[in-house]
Protein backbone atom coordinates (compact mmCIF):
# COMPACT_ATOMS: atom_id res chain seq x y z
CA UNK A 1 -14.48 -26.05 -67.02
CA UNK A 2 -18.00 -25.89 -66.33
CA UNK A 3 -17.60 -22.17 -65.84
CA UNK A 4 -15.68 -21.52 -69.35
CA UNK A 5 -18.69 -23.71 -70.90
CA UNK A 6 -21.47 -21.19 -69.41
CA UNK A 7 -19.27 -17.72 -70.56
CA UNK A 8 -18.96 -19.26 -74.02
CA UNK A 9 -22.73 -19.93 -74.28
CA UNK A 10 -23.71 -16.62 -72.76
CA UNK A 11 -21.19 -14.84 -75.02
CA UNK A 12 -23.33 -17.08 -78.09
CA UNK A 13 -26.77 -15.91 -76.68
CA UNK A 14 -26.00 -12.38 -75.85
CA UNK A 15 -24.03 -10.18 -78.47
CA UNK A 16 -24.60 -6.83 -76.93
CA UNK A 17 -23.28 -5.51 -73.65
CA UNK A 18 -26.76 -5.62 -71.83
CA UNK A 19 -29.61 -7.61 -72.07
CA UNK A 20 -31.90 -6.94 -75.38
CA UNK A 21 -29.44 -4.50 -76.79
CA UNK A 22 -29.87 -5.90 -80.38
CA UNK A 23 -33.58 -5.50 -79.72
CA UNK A 24 -32.69 -1.66 -78.88
CA UNK A 25 -31.06 -1.25 -82.10
CA UNK A 26 -33.65 -2.82 -84.01
CA UNK A 27 -36.20 -0.39 -82.53
CA UNK A 28 -33.57 2.54 -83.62
CA UNK A 29 -33.44 1.00 -87.37
CA UNK A 30 -37.12 0.84 -87.48
CA UNK A 31 -37.72 4.39 -86.22
CA UNK A 32 -35.11 6.06 -88.70
CA UNK A 33 -36.61 3.96 -91.80
CA UNK A 34 -39.90 5.21 -90.74
CA UNK A 35 -39.33 8.95 -89.30
CA UNK A 36 -37.01 9.80 -92.31
CA UNK A 37 -40.05 10.55 -94.94
CA UNK A 38 -41.92 12.48 -91.97
CA UNK A 39 -38.93 14.18 -90.74
CA UNK A 40 -38.13 15.40 -94.40
CA UNK A 41 -41.42 17.05 -94.70
CA UNK A 42 -40.72 20.07 -92.09
CA UNK A 43 -38.06 22.44 -91.69
CA UNK A 44 -36.19 21.07 -88.26
CA UNK A 45 -36.38 17.69 -90.40
CA UNK A 46 -32.46 17.45 -90.99
CA UNK A 47 -31.87 17.65 -87.19
CA UNK A 48 -34.27 15.15 -86.46
CA UNK A 49 -32.74 12.94 -88.78
CA UNK A 50 -29.21 13.59 -87.68
CA UNK A 51 -30.72 12.56 -84.06
CA UNK A 52 -32.12 9.27 -85.36
CA UNK A 53 -28.91 8.31 -86.88
CA UNK A 54 -26.89 9.01 -84.11
CA UNK A 55 -29.40 6.68 -82.08
CA UNK A 56 -28.67 3.96 -84.68
CA UNK A 57 -24.96 4.45 -84.44
CA UNK A 58 -24.82 4.49 -81.01
CA UNK A 59 -27.20 1.59 -80.47
CA UNK A 60 -25.03 -0.61 -83.07
CA UNK A 61 -22.16 -0.29 -80.50
CA UNK A 62 -24.24 -1.81 -78.03
CA UNK A 63 -25.89 -4.40 -79.93
CA UNK A 64 -22.10 -6.04 -80.78
CA UNK A 65 -20.14 -4.61 -77.88
CA UNK A 66 -20.19 -7.87 -75.62
CA UNK A 67 -16.69 -8.51 -76.24
CA UNK A 68 -14.26 -5.83 -75.35
CA UNK A 69 -11.73 -6.10 -78.52
CA UNK A 70 -15.34 -5.71 -80.45
CA UNK A 71 -16.39 -3.33 -78.34
CA UNK A 72 -13.30 -1.06 -79.22
CA UNK A 73 -13.48 -1.74 -82.96
CA UNK A 74 -17.10 -0.53 -82.95
CA UNK A 75 -16.52 2.36 -81.11
CA UNK A 76 -13.30 3.29 -83.51
CA UNK A 77 -15.37 3.25 -86.61
CA UNK A 78 -18.57 4.78 -85.40
CA UNK A 79 -17.19 8.22 -83.41
CA UNK A 80 -15.74 9.40 -86.88
CA UNK A 81 -18.91 8.56 -88.92
CA UNK A 82 -20.81 10.56 -85.75
CA UNK A 83 -18.90 13.07 -86.28
CA UNK A 84 -18.74 13.27 -89.80
CA UNK A 85 -22.54 13.35 -89.80
CA UNK A 86 -22.99 16.11 -87.23
CA UNK A 87 -20.16 17.83 -88.97
CA UNK A 88 -22.18 18.04 -92.35
CA UNK A 89 -25.41 19.07 -90.64
CA UNK A 90 -23.86 22.10 -88.94
CA UNK A 91 -21.51 22.91 -92.06
CA UNK A 92 -23.18 21.09 -94.81
CA UNK A 93 -21.13 23.22 -97.77
CA UNK A 94 -17.68 22.38 -96.12
CA UNK A 95 -17.95 19.13 -94.97
CA UNK A 96 -19.03 16.61 -98.29
CA UNK A 97 -21.90 14.02 -97.47
CA UNK A 98 -19.96 11.39 -98.99
CA UNK A 99 -17.42 11.35 -96.39
CA UNK A 100 -20.50 10.44 -93.64
CA UNK A 101 -21.89 7.93 -96.12
CA UNK A 102 -18.35 6.11 -96.79
CA UNK A 103 -17.78 6.01 -92.27
CA UNK A 104 -21.35 4.93 -91.95
CA UNK A 105 -21.12 2.43 -94.62
CA UNK A 106 -17.79 0.77 -92.68
CA UNK A 107 -19.14 0.96 -89.53
CA UNK A 108 -22.88 -0.70 -90.48
CA UNK A 109 -20.72 -3.24 -92.47
CA UNK A 110 -19.09 -4.01 -89.36
CA UNK A 111 -22.21 -4.09 -87.24
CA UNK A 112 -23.75 -6.57 -90.04
CA UNK A 113 -20.87 -9.21 -89.94
CA UNK A 114 -21.23 -9.26 -86.11
CA UNK A 115 -24.67 -9.81 -86.12
CA UNK A 116 -24.63 -12.44 -88.62
CA UNK A 117 -22.16 -14.40 -86.80
CA UNK A 118 -24.12 -14.57 -83.71
CA UNK A 119 -27.62 -15.86 -85.86
CA UNK A 120 -24.82 -18.91 -87.32
CA UNK A 121 -23.36 -19.05 -83.87
CA UNK A 122 -26.29 -19.34 -81.69
CA UNK A 123 -27.71 -22.43 -80.03
CA UNK A 124 -31.11 -22.12 -80.11
CA UNK A 125 -33.80 -19.30 -80.85
CA UNK A 126 -34.50 -16.40 -78.84
CA UNK A 127 -35.64 -12.52 -79.25
CA UNK A 128 -32.27 -11.42 -79.46
CA UNK A 129 -31.65 -13.82 -82.84
CA UNK A 130 -34.66 -13.05 -84.07
CA UNK A 131 -33.97 -9.12 -83.61
CA UNK A 132 -30.71 -9.86 -84.96
CA UNK A 133 -32.15 -11.69 -87.90
CA UNK A 134 -34.75 -8.43 -89.06
CA UNK A 135 -32.07 -5.93 -88.14
CA UNK A 136 -29.40 -7.06 -90.50
CA UNK A 137 -32.10 -7.29 -93.46
CA UNK A 138 -33.37 -3.28 -92.07
CA UNK A 139 -29.07 -3.03 -92.09
CA UNK A 140 -28.87 -4.33 -96.04
CA UNK A 141 -31.50 -1.89 -97.20
CA UNK A 142 -29.63 1.24 -95.51
CA UNK A 143 -26.18 0.21 -96.46
CA UNK A 144 -27.54 0.20 -99.97
CA UNK A 145 -29.16 3.70 -100.09
CA UNK A 146 -25.68 5.05 -98.11
CA UNK A 147 -24.04 2.97 -101.79
CA UNK A 148 -26.63 4.67 -104.27
CA UNK A 149 -25.97 8.00 -102.71
CA UNK A 150 -22.47 7.61 -102.74
CA UNK A 151 -22.58 6.72 -106.52
CA UNK A 152 -25.00 9.39 -107.54
CA UNK A 153 -22.84 11.91 -105.89
CA UNK A 154 -19.91 10.89 -107.66
CA UNK A 155 -21.77 10.27 -110.74
CA UNK A 156 -24.67 12.78 -111.32
CA UNK A 157 -26.10 10.77 -114.35
CA UNK A 158 -26.01 7.39 -112.38
CA UNK A 159 -30.14 7.06 -112.15
CA UNK A 160 -32.95 7.97 -114.10
CA UNK A 161 -36.13 9.39 -112.64
CA UNK A 162 -39.35 8.72 -115.00
CA UNK A 163 -41.76 10.38 -112.98
CA UNK A 164 -42.40 14.40 -113.94
CA UNK A 165 -41.45 16.61 -111.04
CA UNK A 166 -44.44 18.57 -109.51
CA UNK A 167 -44.47 22.17 -110.55
CA UNK A 168 -42.50 24.36 -107.77
CA UNK A 169 -40.60 21.03 -106.30
CA UNK A 170 -36.99 20.59 -106.99
CA UNK A 171 -35.97 17.78 -109.31
CA UNK A 172 -35.16 14.68 -107.09
CA UNK A 173 -31.92 13.40 -106.53
CA UNK A 174 -30.67 10.18 -104.84
CA UNK A 175 -30.50 11.55 -101.06
CA UNK A 176 -32.17 10.83 -97.70
CA UNK A 177 -35.88 9.05 -98.61
CA UNK A 178 -35.61 8.75 -102.19
CA UNK A 179 -32.44 6.06 -101.82
CA UNK A 180 -33.74 4.78 -98.78
CA UNK A 181 -36.93 4.28 -101.13
CA UNK A 182 -35.04 2.99 -103.88
CA UNK A 183 -32.88 0.75 -101.79
CA UNK A 184 -35.74 -0.86 -100.25
CA UNK A 185 -37.87 -1.57 -103.04
CA UNK A 186 -34.92 -3.25 -104.81
CA UNK A 187 -34.29 -5.26 -101.71
CA UNK A 188 -37.85 -6.68 -101.48
CA UNK A 189 -37.46 -7.05 -105.68
CA UNK A 190 -40.60 -5.27 -106.27
CA UNK A 191 -39.03 -2.55 -108.99
CA UNK A 192 -42.09 0.09 -109.57
CA UNK A 193 -39.97 1.64 -112.41
CA UNK A 194 -39.64 5.10 -111.36
CA UNK A 195 -36.20 4.89 -110.46
CA UNK A 196 -33.69 3.45 -113.06
CA UNK A 197 -30.40 2.63 -112.52
CA UNK A 198 -28.13 3.97 -115.56
CA UNK A 199 -24.52 3.72 -114.88
CA UNK A 200 -23.06 -0.01 -115.14
CA UNK A 201 -21.76 0.59 -111.28
CA UNK A 202 -25.39 1.28 -110.34
CA UNK A 203 -26.88 -1.65 -112.31
CA UNK A 204 -24.37 -3.66 -110.42
CA UNK A 205 -25.86 -2.49 -106.70
CA UNK A 206 -29.08 -2.81 -108.03
CA UNK A 207 -28.43 -6.63 -108.82
CA UNK A 208 -26.50 -7.60 -105.98
CA UNK A 209 -28.82 -5.96 -103.58
CA UNK A 210 -31.91 -7.80 -105.10
CA UNK A 211 -30.25 -10.81 -104.78
CA UNK A 212 -28.57 -10.72 -101.72
CA UNK A 213 -32.21 -10.12 -100.09
CA UNK A 214 -33.36 -12.95 -101.71
CA UNK A 215 -30.48 -15.49 -100.71
CA UNK A 216 -30.40 -14.31 -96.87
CA UNK A 217 -34.44 -14.48 -96.75
CA UNK A 218 -33.65 -17.73 -97.76
CA UNK A 219 -30.79 -18.51 -95.59
CA UNK A 220 -32.21 -16.98 -92.64
CA UNK A 221 -35.42 -18.71 -92.69
CA UNK A 222 -33.34 -22.03 -93.17
CA UNK A 223 -31.17 -21.48 -90.08
CA UNK A 224 -34.10 -20.41 -87.77
CA UNK A 225 -36.00 -23.72 -88.59
CA UNK A 226 -32.83 -25.80 -88.02
CA UNK A 227 -32.60 -24.06 -84.64
CA UNK A 228 -36.02 -24.05 -83.71
CA UNK A 229 -36.32 -27.93 -84.95
CA UNK A 230 -32.91 -29.03 -83.04
CA UNK A 231 -34.31 -27.53 -79.82
CA UNK A 232 -37.71 -29.33 -79.82
CA UNK A 233 -35.80 -32.73 -80.81
CA UNK A 234 -33.55 -31.56 -77.66
CA UNK A 235 -36.34 -31.19 -75.69
CA UNK A 236 -37.91 -34.19 -76.81
CA UNK A 237 -34.99 -36.58 -75.87
CA UNK A 238 -34.95 -34.85 -72.30
CA UNK A 239 -38.28 -35.88 -71.83
CA UNK A 240 -37.84 -39.01 -72.66
CA UNK A 241 -34.99 -40.00 -70.50
């Protein structure tokens, strides 16, 4: 019985296949967010972004793969997204990017659900819980950026760009760093106004993202505070005995 309780507690505190798997996933997310606008400035930028995306997908499997069933489902969802990403990179005119966008959204949503469950069930705060909390927030920004890209593919006039296009530069499109930028300023409720959702569906997505970001931060802070308070109370009770 004691061994069974120890196993359950270990699974709750360790969602990934190995120690610090969630922290590795968080590092991959941060790398992708930071490197995407940098890589887009170079001719070899697309392959760099594809490598960063692949790193995120693979580390996402490691971050939630402690249980065999979850690992199998994660690999099943990740492999098609990974193949579609590189197929779109090598054959951009034959492989529509919307296929990768959809596959990546499904996989990242699955990762998000598992990380949120881990945070909710965690009995105490540790580095993996903190890493999971930050990773989920970054995933929100990435998933919604993919959703904006999908909407722009299906409805070309779904977004309006107010800033004038510099001479010699192509008109902006809701892809890559542009969709990432719009997603995170919406998630953080900044709203500079340089990109405006026009279609009803695009407006609904922007509204949901800003609302999700506000509620997530409030609930996450409340959860972490409650875990820390509970841990401190248990420590004081143990000392008094």
